[in-house]
Amino acid sequence: MPAKSKKQQMAAGAALAAKRGKRSKKSLKGPSRSMASSMSEGELRKMAKTKRKGKPTRSRKKKR
């Protein structure tokens, strides 16, 4: 599944680096830490390789 925002794409990249051992898992914070434990390497790769052009910095919550 592609990332919906730049922040989500960057968090997936950090989690992927931790999964591959290029970054320590202790250095992860917030969403990237939960992504590293709950998603497979393939899912993280798909989310991290999403193009950033045209994506919002953050995805907004929908109002009811």
PDB file of N, CA and C in Angstrom:
ATOM      1  N   MET A   1       0.845  -1.167   0.000  1.00  0.00           N
ATOM      2  CA  MET A   1       0.000   0.000   0.000  1.00  0.00           C
ATOM      3  C   MET A   1       0.891   1.231   0.000  1.00  0.00           C
ATOM      4  N   PRO A   2       0.639   2.179  -0.841  1.00  0.00           N
ATOM      5  CA  PRO A   2       1.473   3.379  -0.900  1.00  0.00           C
ATOM      6  C   PRO A   2       1.197   4.307   0.285  1.00  0.00           C
ATOM      7  N   ALA A   3       2.199   5.108   0.619  1.00  0.00           N
ATOM      8  CA  ALA A   3       2.060   6.067   1.714  1.00  0.00           C
ATOM      9  C   ALA A   3       1.101   7.181   1.314  1.00  0.00           C
ATOM     10  N   LYS A   4       0.372   7.706   2.298  1.00  0.00           N
ATOM     11  CA  LYS A   4      -0.587   8.775   2.036  1.00  0.00           C
ATOM     12  C   LYS A   4       0.009  10.155   2.279  1.00  0.00           C
ATOM     13  N   SER A   5       1.150  10.222   2.966  1.00  0.00           N
ATOM     14  CA  SER A   5       1.770  11.518   3.243  1.00  0.00           C
ATOM     15  C   SER A   5       3.290  11.365   3.293  1.00  0.00           C
ATOM     16  N   LYS A   6       3.990  12.490   3.297  1.00  0.00           N
ATOM     17  CA  LYS A   6       5.446  12.484   3.364  1.00  0.00           C
ATOM     18  C   LYS A   6       5.926  11.913   4.694  1.00  0.00           C
ATOM     19  N   LYS A   7       5.252  12.275   5.758  1.00  0.00           N
ATOM     20  CA  LYS A   7       5.632  11.791   7.092  1.00  0.00           C
ATOM     21  C   LYS A   7       5.511  10.273   7.178  1.00  0.00           C
ATOM     22  N   GLN A   8       4.453   9.729   6.611  1.00  0.00           N
ATOM     23  CA  GLN A   8       4.235   8.283   6.634  1.00  0.00           C
ATOM     24  C   GLN A   8       5.323   7.583   5.803  1.00  0.00           C
ATOM     25  N   GLN A   9       5.697   8.165   4.688  1.00  0.00           N
ATOM     26  CA  GLN A   9       6.723   7.593   3.833  1.00  0.00           C
ATOM     27  C   GLN A   9       8.074   7.605   4.546  1.00  0.00           C
ATOM     28  N   MET A  10       8.372   8.689   5.236  1.00  0.00           N
ATOM     29  CA  MET A  10       9.632   8.793   5.955  1.00  0.00           C
ATOM     30  C   MET A  10       9.687   7.832   7.141  1.00  0.00           C
ATOM     31  N   ALA A  11       8.576   7.656   7.839  1.00  0.00           N
ATOM     32  CA  ALA A  11       8.518   6.715   8.958  1.00  0.00           C
ATOM     33  C   ALA A  11       8.715   5.284   8.470  1.00  0.00           C
ATOM     34  N   ALA A  12       8.148   4.964   7.322  1.00  0.00           N
ATOM     35  CA  ALA A  12       8.317   3.626   6.753  1.00  0.00           C
ATOM     36  C   ALA A  12       9.774   3.389   6.369  1.00  0.00           C
ATOM     37  N   GLY A  13      10.433   4.395   5.849  1.00  0.00           N
ATOM     38  CA  GLY A  13      11.851   4.278   5.497  1.00  0.00           C
ATOM     39  C   GLY A  13      12.718   4.036   6.718  1.00  0.00           C
ATOM     40  N   ALA A  14      12.425   4.723   7.810  1.00  0.00           N
ATOM     41  CA  ALA A  14      13.182   4.530   9.048  1.00  0.00           C
ATOM     42  C   ALA A  14      12.949   3.126   9.612  1.00  0.00           C
ATOM     43  N   ALA A  15      11.697   2.666   9.573  1.00  0.00           N
ATOM     44  CA  ALA A  15      11.371   1.327  10.067  1.00  0.00           C
ATOM     45  C   ALA A  15      12.037   0.254   9.214  1.00  0.00           C
ATOM     46  N   LEU A  16      12.092   0.482   7.912  1.00  0.00           N
ATOM     47  CA  LEU A  16      12.742  -0.466   7.006  1.00  0.00           C
ATOM     48  C   LEU A  16      14.238  -0.548   7.296  1.00  0.00           C
ATOM     49  N   ALA A  17      14.868   0.585   7.548  1.00  0.00           N
ATOM     50  CA  ALA A  17      16.292   0.603   7.877  1.00  0.00           C
ATOM     51  C   ALA A  17      16.552  -0.173   9.166  1.00  0.00           C
ATOM     52  N   ALA A  18      15.663  -0.051  10.139  1.00  0.00           N
ATOM     53  CA  ALA A  18      15.818  -0.787  11.394  1.00  0.00           C
ATOM     54  C   ALA A  18      15.633  -2.285  11.173  1.00  0.00           C
ATOM     55  N   LYS A  19      14.691  -2.661  10.328  1.00  0.00           N
ATOM     56  CA  LYS A  19      14.472  -4.086  10.021  1.00  0.00           C
ATOM     57  C   LYS A  19      15.696  -4.694   9.360  1.00  0.00           C
ATOM     58  N   ARG A  20      16.350  -3.916   8.505  1.00  0.00           N
ATOM     59  CA  ARG A  20      17.528  -4.410   7.783  1.00  0.00           C
ATOM     60  C   ARG A  20      18.803  -4.344   8.615  1.00  0.00           C
ATOM     61  N   GLY A  21      18.745  -3.714   9.793  1.00  0.00           N
ATOM     62  CA  GLY A  21      19.896  -3.644  10.678  1.00  0.00           C
ATOM     63  C   GLY A  21      20.819  -2.474  10.416  1.00  0.00           C
ATOM     64  N   LYS A  22      20.390  -1.515   9.606  1.00  0.00           N
ATOM     65  CA  LYS A  22      21.216  -0.348   9.305  1.00  0.00           C
ATOM     66  C   LYS A  22      20.979   0.774  10.307  1.00  0.00           C
ATOM     67  N   ARG A  23      20.006   0.598  11.161  1.00  0.00           N
ATOM     68  CA  ARG A  23      19.663   1.585  12.176  1.00  0.00           C
ATOM     69  C   ARG A  23      19.166   0.812  13.393  1.00  0.00           C
ATOM     70  N   SER A  24      19.459   1.302  14.588  1.00  0.00           N
ATOM     71  CA  SER A  24      19.033   0.574  15.777  1.00  0.00           C
ATOM     72  C   SER A  24      17.531   0.752  16.013  1.00  0.00           C
ATOM     73  N   LYS A  25      16.893  -0.289  16.505  1.00  0.00           N
ATOM     74  CA  LYS A  25      15.458  -0.226  16.762  1.00  0.00           C
ATOM     75  C   LYS A  25      15.148   0.708  17.929  1.00  0.00           C
ATOM     76  N   LYS A  26      16.106   0.923  18.806  1.00  0.00           N
ATOM     77  CA  LYS A  26      15.906   1.823  19.943  1.00  0.00           C
ATOM     78  C   LYS A  26      15.833   3.283  19.499  1.00  0.00           C
ATOM     79  N   SER A  27      16.402   3.603  18.337  1.00  0.00           N
ATOM     80  CA  SER A  27      16.393   4.989  17.872  1.00  0.00           C
ATOM     81  C   SER A  27      15.057   5.385  17.247  1.00  0.00           C
ATOM     82  N   LEU A  28      14.182   4.407  16.979  1.00  0.00           N
ATOM     83  CA  LEU A  28      12.880   4.701  16.376  1.00  0.00           C
ATOM     84  C   LEU A  28      11.927   5.274  17.412  1.00  0.00           C
ATOM     85  N   LYS A  29      11.040   6.159  16.956  1.00  0.00           N
ATOM     86  CA  LYS A  29      10.047   6.768  17.836  1.00  0.00           C
ATOM     87  C   LYS A  29       8.682   6.719  17.175  1.00  0.00           C
ATOM     88  N   GLY A  30       7.647   6.672  17.969  1.00  0.00           N
ATOM     89  CA  GLY A  30       6.272   6.796  17.496  1.00  0.00           C
ATOM     90  C   GLY A  30       5.867   5.809  16.425  1.00  0.00           C
ATOM     91  N   PRO A  31       5.312   6.328  15.318  1.00  0.00           N
ATOM     92  CA  PRO A  31       4.778   5.462  14.270  1.00  0.00           C
ATOM     93  C   PRO A  31       5.812   4.544  13.636  1.00  0.00           C
ATOM     94  N   SER A  32       7.046   5.008  13.495  1.00  0.00           N
ATOM     95  CA  SER A  32       8.056   4.163  12.864  1.00  0.00           C
ATOM     96  C   SER A  32       8.370   2.943  13.723  1.00  0.00           C
ATOM     97  N   ARG A  33       8.307   3.100  15.039  1.00  0.00           N
ATOM     98  CA  ARG A  33       8.547   1.966  15.935  1.00  0.00           C
ATOM     99  C   ARG A  33       7.437   0.927  15.808  1.00  0.00           C
ATOM    100  N   SER A  34       6.196   1.383  15.741  1.00  0.00           N
ATOM    101  CA  SER A  34       5.092   0.430  15.606  1.00  0.00           C
ATOM    102  C   SER A  34       5.077  -0.205  14.221  1.00  0.00           C
ATOM    103  N   MET A  35       5.478   0.549  13.196  1.00  0.00           N
ATOM    104  CA  MET A  35       5.559  -0.015  11.843  1.00  0.00           C
ATOM    105  C   MET A  35       6.596  -1.123  11.779  1.00  0.00           C
ATOM    106  N   ALA A  36       7.727  -0.917  12.428  1.00  0.00           N
ATOM    107  CA  ALA A  36       8.811  -1.900  12.384  1.00  0.00           C
ATOM    108  C   ALA A  36       8.385  -3.227  12.989  1.00  0.00           C
ATOM    109  N   SER A  37       7.553  -3.173  14.022  1.00  0.00           N
ATOM    110  CA  SER A  37       7.154  -4.416  14.677  1.00  0.00           C
ATOM    111  C   SER A  37       5.936  -5.067  14.029  1.00  0.00           C
ATOM    112  N   SER A  38       5.078  -4.280  13.384  1.00  0.00           N
ATOM    113  CA  SER A  38       3.827  -4.851  12.887  1.00  0.00           C
ATOM    114  C   SER A  38       3.799  -5.145  11.394  1.00  0.00           C
ATOM    115  N   MET A  39       4.740  -4.602  10.619  1.00  0.00           N
ATOM    116  CA  MET A  39       4.706  -4.768   9.169  1.00  0.00           C
ATOM    117  C   MET A  39       5.891  -5.600   8.684  1.00  0.00           C
ATOM    118  N   SER A  40       5.689  -6.292   7.560  1.00  0.00           N
ATOM    119  CA  SER A  40       6.775  -7.081   6.981  1.00  0.00           C
ATOM    120  C   SER A  40       7.708  -6.160   6.197  1.00  0.00           C
ATOM    121  N   GLU A  41       8.862  -6.695   5.830  1.00  0.00           N
ATOM    122  CA  GLU A  41       9.829  -5.896   5.081  1.00  0.00           C
ATOM    123  C   GLU A  41       9.284  -5.507   3.710  1.00  0.00           C
ATOM    124  N   GLY A  42       8.537  -6.387   3.088  1.00  0.00           N
ATOM    125  CA  GLY A  42       7.949  -6.093   1.783  1.00  0.00           C
ATOM    126  C   GLY A  42       6.935  -4.967   1.846  1.00  0.00           C
ATOM    127  N   GLU A  43       6.081  -4.996   2.886  1.00  0.00           N
ATOM    128  CA  GLU A  43       5.087  -3.923   3.062  1.00  0.00           C
ATOM    129  C   GLU A  43       5.777  -2.589   3.315  1.00  0.00           C
ATOM    130  N   LEU A  44       6.817  -2.605   4.143  1.00  0.00           N
ATOM    131  CA  LEU A  44       7.550  -1.373   4.425  1.00  0.00           C
ATOM    132  C   LEU A  44       8.233  -0.842   3.172  1.00  0.00           C
ATOM    133  N   ARG A  45       8.783  -1.743   2.364  1.00  0.00           N
ATOM    134  CA  ARG A  45       9.449  -1.318   1.132  1.00  0.00           C
ATOM    135  C   ARG A  45       8.471  -0.636   0.187  1.00  0.00           C
ATOM    136  N   LYS A  46       7.265  -1.205   0.048  1.00  0.00           N
ATOM    137  CA  LYS A  46       6.252  -0.603  -0.824  1.00  0.00           C
ATOM    138  C   LYS A  46       5.862   0.791  -0.343  1.00  0.00           C
ATOM    139  N   MET A  47       5.738   0.938   0.984  1.00  0.00           N
ATOM    140  CA  MET A  47       5.337   2.229   1.530  1.00  0.00           C
ATOM    141  C   MET A  47       6.484   3.242   1.442  1.00  0.00           C
ATOM    142  N   ALA A  48       7.702   2.782   1.643  1.00  0.00           N
ATOM    143  CA  ALA A  48       8.848   3.695   1.645  1.00  0.00           C
ATOM    144  C   ALA A  48       9.218   4.163   0.243  1.00  0.00           C
ATOM    145  N   LYS A  49       8.918   3.368  -0.792  1.00  0.00           N
ATOM    146  CA  LYS A  49       9.314   3.761  -2.141  1.00  0.00           C
ATOM    147  C   LYS A  49       8.292   4.660  -2.819  1.00  0.00           C
ATOM    148  N   THR A  50       7.227   5.041  -2.134  1.00  0.00           N
ATOM    149  CA  THR A  50       6.220   5.946  -2.674  1.00  0.00           C
ATOM    150  C   THR A  50       6.859   7.291  -3.003  1.00  0.00           C
ATOM    151  N   LYS A  51       6.520   7.834  -4.149  1.00  0.00           N
ATOM    152  CA  LYS A  51       7.035   9.143  -4.542  1.00  0.00           C
ATOM    153  C   LYS A  51       6.439  10.219  -3.636  1.00  0.00           C
ATOM    154  N   ARG A  52       7.247  11.181  -3.241  1.00  0.00           N
ATOM    155  CA  ARG A  52       6.789  12.246  -2.350  1.00  0.00           C
ATOM    156  C   ARG A  52       6.117  13.393  -3.082  1.00  0.00           C
ATOM    157  N   LYS A  53       6.374  13.536  -4.367  1.00  0.00           N
ATOM    158  CA  LYS A  53       5.839  14.668  -5.111  1.00  0.00           C
ATOM    159  C   LYS A  53       4.311  14.638  -5.112  1.00  0.00           C
ATOM    160  N   GLY A  54       3.703  15.730  -4.721  1.00  0.00           N
ATOM    161  CA  GLY A  54       2.250  15.836  -4.710  1.00  0.00           C
ATOM    162  C   GLY A  54       1.594  15.329  -3.440  1.00  0.00           C
ATOM    163  N   LYS A  55       2.373  14.795  -2.509  1.00  0.00           N
ATOM    164  CA  LYS A  55       1.815  14.301  -1.249  1.00  0.00           C
ATOM    165  C   LYS A  55       1.776  15.436  -0.224  1.00  0.00           C
ATOM    166  N   PRO A  56       0.764  15.442   0.626  1.00  0.00           N
ATOM    167  CA  PRO A  56       0.752  16.437   1.700  1.00  0.00           C
ATOM    168  C   PRO A  56       1.787  16.064   2.755  1.00  0.00           C
ATOM    169  N   THR A  57       2.204  17.049   3.547  1.00  0.00           N
ATOM    170  CA  THR A  57       3.153  16.766   4.612  1.00  0.00           C
ATOM    171  C   THR A  57       2.536  15.810   5.622  1.00  0.00           C
ATOM    172  N   ARG A  58       1.280  16.065   5.956  1.00  0.00           N
ATOM    173  CA  ARG A  58       0.536  15.189   6.855  1.00  0.00           C
ATOM    174  C   ARG A  58      -0.829  14.933   6.267  1.00  0.00           C
ATOM    175  N   SER A  59      -1.352  13.767   6.538  1.00  0.00           N
ATOM    176  CA  SER A  59      -2.736  13.518   6.095  1.00  0.00           C
ATOM    177  C   SER A  59      -3.658  14.006   7.200  1.00  0.00           C
ATOM    178  N   ARG A  60      -4.704  14.675   6.835  1.00  0.00           N
ATOM    179  CA  ARG A  60      -5.626  15.262   7.800  1.00  0.00           C
ATOM    180  C   ARG A  60      -6.708  14.274   8.190  1.00  0.00           C
ATOM    181  N   LYS A  61      -7.165  14.388   9.447  1.00  0.00           N
ATOM    182  CA  LYS A  61      -8.279  13.561   9.896  1.00  0.00           C
ATOM    183  C   LYS A  61      -9.571  14.116   9.309  1.00  0.00           C
ATOM    184  N   LYS A  62     -10.467  13.234   8.950  1.00  0.00           N
ATOM    185  CA  LYS A  62     -11.744  13.661   8.374  1.00  0.00           C
ATOM    186  C   LYS A  62     -12.651  14.178   9.479  1.00  0.00           C
ATOM    187  N   LYS A  63     -13.355  15.259   9.191  1.00  0.00           N
ATOM    188  CA  LYS A  63     -14.335  15.791  10.136  1.00  0.00           C
ATOM    189  C   LYS A  63     -15.649  15.044   9.970  1.00  0.00           C
ATOM    190  N   ARG A  64     -16.352  14.884  11.056  1.00  0.00           N
ATOM    191  CA  ARG A  64     -17.629  14.183  11.010  1.00  0.00           C
ATOM    192  C   ARG A  64     -18.769  15.109  10.798  1.00  0.00           C
TER     193      ARG A  64
END
